[in-house]
């Protein structure tokens, strides 16, 4: 019982930490590729050491097949770049709600390309997610607001698609590599993928910004991943998947508290539907794997 309680607390704090990162990205006020670069740069040494300690050097440096490692790393980079870009273009609530369409799209891709079964649960979850996405767009239907936020909503939607692609490639990758190893390589590849942006995009670092970037690397990435993986020693993957849907809840609450961004009724309703659909998919995944 104590171990389960520990796992639940670790998962809770991991989701709370991840839910706070949109606030940090706004505070940093950096171009999204630059923000992602420093996040993965500061996180990688700690994630690497943790992975090698748990897997061993020989297993960690077993590359083959390398394709899932490479393409999932690129997908991770693009999904984060688009997500943090969307936060700069629209409000946090809209960005995180559309971003969390990703797990639904992942299952749809698995049905199409991996021939996984498509049943009533998946159909219902997809329908709920679609309605939730539509509700998220409703507050922006005013012409003046629509012109201002439409591009941001599109970028947020694309971030959800790349989140789905990341999940889909990772789904293939874990057949050959452990999830911990896959995550470490994704972060490593992301460092090199985002590095060219540092050379060509103008940005300015202040002492305050550097502190925030170090926190996003050490706390929001390395520590949160440690809490996530350690919690899986005590709780089921299904529970962890359901807990992950606290991320957008925390993100919306914290953006209201620190950025004074108030979610609308439609955004709350849409986010609720997408959260329910994600939980349905998580339960279905567990049933299928069992």
Protein backbone atom coordinates (compact mmCIF):
# COMPACT_ATOMS: atom_id res chain seq x y z
CA UNK A 1 0.00 0.00 0.00
CA UNK A 2 2.84 2.39 0.86
CA UNK A 3 4.57 1.61 -2.44
CA UNK A 4 1.37 2.28 -4.40
CA UNK A 5 0.94 5.57 -2.54
CA UNK A 6 4.53 6.49 -3.42
CA UNK A 7 3.88 5.69 -7.11
CA UNK A 8 0.72 7.80 -7.17
CA UNK A 9 2.49 10.74 -5.53
CA UNK A 10 5.38 10.52 -7.98
CA UNK A 11 2.96 10.43 -10.92
CA UNK A 12 1.00 13.35 -9.48
CA UNK A 13 4.09 15.52 -9.15
CA UNK A 14 5.36 14.50 -12.61
CA UNK A 15 2.10 15.66 -14.20
CA UNK A 16 2.08 18.82 -12.07
CA UNK A 17 5.62 19.64 -13.24
CA UNK A 18 4.76 19.00 -16.89
CA UNK A 19 1.59 21.05 -16.51
CA UNK A 20 3.62 24.06 -15.41
CA UNK A 21 5.98 24.15 -18.39
CA UNK A 22 3.71 26.33 -20.60
CA UNK A 23 4.02 29.06 -17.96
CA UNK A 24 7.83 28.79 -18.05
CA UNK A 25 7.87 28.96 -21.84
CA UNK A 26 5.85 32.19 -21.72
CA UNK A 27 8.13 33.65 -19.05
CA UNK A 28 11.23 32.80 -21.11
CA UNK A 29 9.79 34.60 -24.17
CA UNK A 30 12.20 32.78 -26.49
CA UNK A 31 11.50 31.43 -30.00
CA UNK A 32 10.14 27.93 -29.53
CA UNK A 33 13.07 26.07 -31.23
CA UNK A 34 15.51 27.90 -28.95
CA UNK A 35 13.44 27.07 -25.87
CA UNK A 36 13.35 23.39 -26.88
CA UNK A 37 17.10 23.32 -27.58
CA UNK A 38 18.08 24.55 -24.13
CA UNK A 39 15.47 22.33 -22.48
CA UNK A 40 16.92 19.14 -24.00
CA UNK A 41 20.51 20.37 -23.70
CA UNK A 42 20.28 20.82 -19.93
CA UNK A 43 18.24 17.64 -19.47
CA UNK A 44 20.30 15.19 -21.52
CA UNK A 45 23.31 14.58 -19.18
CA UNK A 46 21.04 13.64 -16.28
CA UNK A 47 18.65 11.55 -18.38
CA UNK A 48 21.64 9.79 -19.98
CA UNK A 49 23.24 8.91 -16.62
CA UNK A 50 19.92 7.67 -15.24
CA UNK A 51 19.32 5.52 -18.33
CA UNK A 52 22.82 4.01 -18.36
CA UNK A 53 22.60 3.26 -14.63
CA UNK A 54 19.36 1.34 -15.10
CA UNK A 55 20.06 -0.34 -18.45
CA UNK A 56 23.82 -0.78 -18.49
CA UNK A 57 26.25 0.66 -21.06
CA UNK A 58 26.13 -2.37 -23.37
CA UNK A 59 22.34 -2.31 -23.67
CA UNK A 60 22.17 1.48 -23.96
CA UNK A 61 24.59 1.55 -26.90
CA UNK A 62 22.75 -1.19 -28.78
CA UNK A 63 21.48 0.99 -31.64
CA UNK A 64 19.75 -1.45 -33.93
CA UNK A 65 17.22 -0.84 -35.24
CA UNK A 66 18.15 2.84 -35.29
CA UNK A 67 15.27 4.10 -37.44
CA UNK A 68 12.66 4.27 -34.60
CA UNK A 69 15.20 6.11 -32.41
CA UNK A 70 15.99 8.65 -35.12
CA UNK A 71 12.48 9.40 -36.34
CA UNK A 72 10.95 9.47 -32.87
CA UNK A 73 13.64 12.00 -31.87
CA UNK A 74 12.72 14.19 -34.85
CA UNK A 75 9.01 13.83 -34.02
CA UNK A 76 9.70 14.82 -30.39
CA UNK A 77 11.55 17.95 -31.56
CA UNK A 78 8.82 19.03 -33.97
CA UNK A 79 5.98 18.32 -31.56
CA UNK A 80 7.61 20.44 -28.82
CA UNK A 81 8.59 23.24 -31.22
CA UNK A 82 5.03 23.47 -32.55
CA UNK A 83 3.49 23.22 -29.08
CA UNK A 84 5.52 26.05 -27.56
CA UNK A 85 5.04 28.11 -30.71
CA UNK A 86 1.28 27.64 -30.36
CA UNK A 87 1.44 28.90 -26.77
CA UNK A 88 3.04 32.11 -28.07
CA UNK A 89 0.31 32.53 -30.69
CA UNK A 90 -2.80 31.62 -28.70
CA UNK A 91 -3.79 31.01 -25.08
CA UNK A 92 -2.47 28.06 -23.07
CA UNK A 93 -5.91 26.43 -22.72
CA UNK A 94 -6.46 26.14 -26.49
CA UNK A 95 -2.89 24.97 -27.10
CA UNK A 96 -2.86 22.18 -24.50
CA UNK A 97 -6.37 20.97 -25.34
CA UNK A 98 -5.57 20.56 -29.04
CA UNK A 99 -2.14 19.13 -28.18
CA UNK A 100 -3.76 16.36 -26.17
CA UNK A 101 -5.63 15.15 -29.22
CA UNK A 102 -2.31 13.42 -29.93
CA UNK A 103 -2.94 10.12 -28.08
CA UNK A 104 -6.26 9.73 -29.94
CA UNK A 105 -4.53 10.22 -33.29
CA UNK A 106 -1.85 7.72 -32.22
CA UNK A 107 -4.45 4.98 -31.84
CA UNK A 108 -6.02 5.89 -35.19
CA UNK A 109 -2.59 5.59 -36.86
CA UNK A 110 -2.08 2.23 -35.16
CA UNK A 111 -5.43 1.03 -36.53
CA UNK A 112 -4.57 2.16 -40.06
CA UNK A 113 -0.92 1.11 -40.30
CA UNK A 114 -0.48 -1.58 -37.64
CA UNK A 115 -3.91 -3.14 -38.27
CA UNK A 116 -4.94 -2.87 -34.65
CA UNK A 117 -8.68 -3.51 -34.06
CA UNK A 118 -11.12 -0.59 -34.30
CA UNK A 119 -14.05 -1.10 -31.93
CA UNK A 120 -16.87 0.80 -30.31
CA UNK A 121 -14.66 2.24 -27.56
CA UNK A 122 -12.20 3.74 -30.05
CA UNK A 123 -15.04 5.07 -32.20
CA UNK A 124 -16.66 6.70 -29.16
CA UNK A 125 -13.35 8.14 -27.97
CA UNK A 126 -12.56 9.57 -31.42
CA UNK A 127 -16.02 11.12 -31.65
CA UNK A 128 -15.68 12.72 -28.20
CA UNK A 129 -12.23 14.06 -29.09
CA UNK A 130 -13.57 15.55 -32.34
CA UNK A 131 -16.44 17.29 -30.52
CA UNK A 132 -13.97 18.51 -27.88
CA UNK A 133 -11.73 19.99 -30.57
CA UNK A 134 -14.69 21.74 -32.21
CA UNK A 135 -15.73 23.23 -28.85
CA UNK A 136 -12.19 24.54 -28.40
CA UNK A 137 -12.52 26.47 -31.67
CA UNK A 138 -15.94 27.96 -30.76
CA UNK A 139 -14.67 30.89 -28.61
CA UNK A 140 -12.57 31.98 -31.59
CA UNK A 141 -15.43 32.20 -34.08
CA UNK A 142 -15.72 35.96 -33.68
CA UNK A 143 -14.16 37.42 -36.85
CA UNK A 144 -11.70 39.70 -35.05
CA UNK A 145 -10.64 36.97 -32.61
CA UNK A 146 -10.56 34.34 -35.37
CA UNK A 147 -8.12 36.36 -37.48
CA UNK A 148 -5.87 36.81 -34.48
CA UNK A 149 -5.88 33.26 -33.12
CA UNK A 150 -6.60 30.98 -36.08
CA UNK A 151 -2.94 30.44 -37.01
CA UNK A 152 -2.12 29.62 -33.39
CA UNK A 153 -4.94 27.07 -33.27
CA UNK A 154 -3.67 25.46 -36.47
CA UNK A 155 -0.15 25.23 -35.03
CA UNK A 156 -1.58 23.72 -31.83
CA UNK A 157 -3.50 21.17 -33.89
CA UNK A 158 -0.31 20.31 -35.82
CA UNK A 159 1.55 19.88 -32.53
CA UNK A 160 -1.10 17.31 -31.60
CA UNK A 161 -0.51 15.50 -34.89
CA UNK A 162 3.24 15.34 -34.27
CA UNK A 163 2.53 14.20 -30.70
CA UNK A 164 0.52 11.41 -32.29
CA UNK A 165 3.35 10.61 -34.70
CA UNK A 166 5.76 10.50 -31.76
CA UNK A 167 3.46 8.08 -29.95
CA UNK A 168 3.03 5.95 -33.07
CA UNK A 169 6.77 5.66 -33.79
CA UNK A 170 7.46 5.03 -30.10
CA UNK A 171 4.84 2.28 -30.19
CA UNK A 172 6.99 0.58 -32.83
CA UNK A 173 10.26 1.48 -31.10
CA UNK A 174 9.41 -0.17 -27.75
CA UNK A 175 9.26 -3.52 -29.55
CA UNK A 176 13.05 -3.29 -29.89
CA UNK A 177 14.16 -0.82 -27.19
CA UNK A 178 13.07 -0.06 -23.63
CA UNK A 179 10.90 3.04 -23.13
CA UNK A 180 13.62 4.63 -21.00
CA UNK A 181 16.26 4.10 -23.67
CA UNK A 182 13.91 5.37 -26.37
CA UNK A 183 13.21 8.55 -24.41
CA UNK A 184 16.92 9.21 -23.81
CA UNK A 185 17.74 8.88 -27.51
CA UNK A 186 14.80 11.11 -28.41
CA UNK A 187 16.21 13.85 -26.18
CA UNK A 188 19.74 13.30 -27.52
CA UNK A 189 18.59 13.52 -31.16
CA UNK A 190 16.49 16.57 -30.31
CA UNK A 191 19.65 18.41 -29.16
CA UNK A 192 21.17 18.03 -32.63
CA UNK A 193 17.90 18.64 -34.48
CA UNK A 194 17.29 21.99 -32.76
CA UNK A 195 20.95 23.13 -32.68
CA UNK A 196 20.88 24.78 -36.15
CA UNK A 197 18.08 27.10 -34.97
CA UNK A 198 20.48 28.56 -32.41
CA UNK A 199 22.76 29.68 -35.25
CA UNK A 200 20.11 31.29 -37.44
CA UNK A 201 17.46 32.69 -35.07
CA UNK A 202 18.15 35.86 -33.12
CA UNK A 203 17.48 35.57 -29.39
CA UNK A 204 18.64 37.14 -26.15
CA UNK A 205 19.44 35.40 -22.88
CA UNK A 206 19.19 37.17 -19.56
CA UNK A 207 20.26 35.74 -16.17
CA UNK A 208 16.58 35.21 -15.33
CA UNK A 209 15.95 33.40 -18.63
CA UNK A 210 18.97 31.14 -18.12
CA UNK A 211 17.70 30.15 -14.66
CA UNK A 212 14.29 29.32 -16.14
CA UNK A 213 15.89 27.25 -18.92
CA UNK A 214 17.98 25.29 -16.41
CA UNK A 215 14.83 24.58 -14.41
CA UNK A 216 12.98 23.36 -17.52
CA UNK A 217 15.87 21.03 -18.29
CA UNK A 218 16.54 19.68 -14.81
CA UNK A 219 13.04 19.77 -13.30
CA UNK A 220 10.51 19.71 -16.15
CA UNK A 221 12.44 17.11 -18.14
CA UNK A 222 15.00 15.13 -16.12
CA UNK A 223 13.26 15.07 -12.71
CA UNK A 224 9.77 14.63 -14.18
CA UNK A 225 10.96 11.69 -16.28
CA UNK A 226 12.62 10.13 -13.22
CA UNK A 227 9.36 10.46 -11.26
CA UNK A 228 7.39 9.01 -14.20
CA UNK A 229 9.61 5.95 -14.70
CA UNK A 230 10.06 5.30 -10.97
CA UNK A 231 6.30 5.47 -10.40
CA UNK A 232 5.85 2.66 -12.94
CA UNK A 233 7.59 0.37 -10.45
CA UNK A 234 4.61 0.79 -8.12
CA UNK A 235 1.52 1.52 -10.26
CA UNK A 236 0.08 0.14 -13.48
CA UNK A 237 0.76 1.72 -16.86
CA UNK A 238 -2.99 2.27 -17.28
CA UNK A 239 -3.11 4.39 -14.14
CA UNK A 240 -0.09 6.35 -15.38
CA UNK A 241 -1.76 6.97 -18.74
CA UNK A 242 -4.90 8.27 -17.05
CA UNK A 243 -2.82 10.46 -14.73
CA UNK A 244 -1.11 12.01 -17.76
CA UNK A 245 -4.41 13.74 -18.54
CA UNK A 246 -3.89 15.87 -15.46
CA UNK A 247 -1.22 17.72 -17.50
CA UNK A 248 -3.68 19.94 -19.40
CA UNK A 249 -5.75 20.46 -16.24
CA UNK A 250 -2.70 21.74 -14.35
CA UNK A 251 -1.59 23.78 -17.38
CA UNK A 252 -4.93 25.59 -17.58
CA UNK A 253 -5.09 26.20 -13.80
CA UNK A 254 -1.50 27.49 -13.64
CA UNK A 255 -1.90 29.69 -16.73
CA UNK A 256 -4.92 31.24 -15.01
CA UNK A 257 -2.99 31.73 -11.76
CA UNK A 258 0.27 33.09 -13.20
CA UNK A 259 -0.60 34.38 -16.69
CA UNK A 260 -4.16 35.55 -15.95
CA UNK A 261 -5.52 33.55 -18.90
CA UNK A 262 -9.10 32.59 -18.10
CA UNK A 263 -10.44 29.49 -19.92
CA UNK A 264 -13.90 29.82 -21.45
CA UNK A 265 -16.81 27.48 -20.83
CA UNK A 266 -16.33 25.97 -24.29
CA UNK A 267 -12.63 25.35 -23.68
CA UNK A 268 -13.34 23.65 -20.36
CA UNK A 269 -16.06 21.53 -22.00
CA UNK A 270 -13.83 20.62 -24.93
CA UNK A 271 -10.92 19.78 -22.68
CA UNK A 272 -13.16 17.59 -20.52
CA UNK A 273 -14.36 15.62 -23.56
CA UNK A 274 -10.82 15.14 -24.85
CA UNK A 275 -9.69 14.02 -21.37
CA UNK A 276 -12.54 11.48 -21.20
CA UNK A 277 -11.67 10.20 -24.67
CA UNK A 278 -8.02 9.82 -23.65
CA UNK A 279 -8.96 7.85 -20.54
CA UNK A 280 -11.21 5.61 -22.68
CA UNK A 281 -8.28 4.93 -25.02
CA UNK A 282 -5.94 4.22 -22.08
CA UNK A 283 -8.39 1.67 -20.65
CA UNK A 284 -8.84 0.12 -24.08
CA UNK A 285 -5.06 -0.15 -24.52
CA UNK A 286 -4.78 -1.96 -21.20
CA UNK A 287 -7.60 -4.36 -22.11
CA UNK A 288 -6.04 -5.06 -25.51
CA UNK A 289 -2.56 -5.70 -24.09
CA UNK A 290 -4.00 -7.96 -21.42
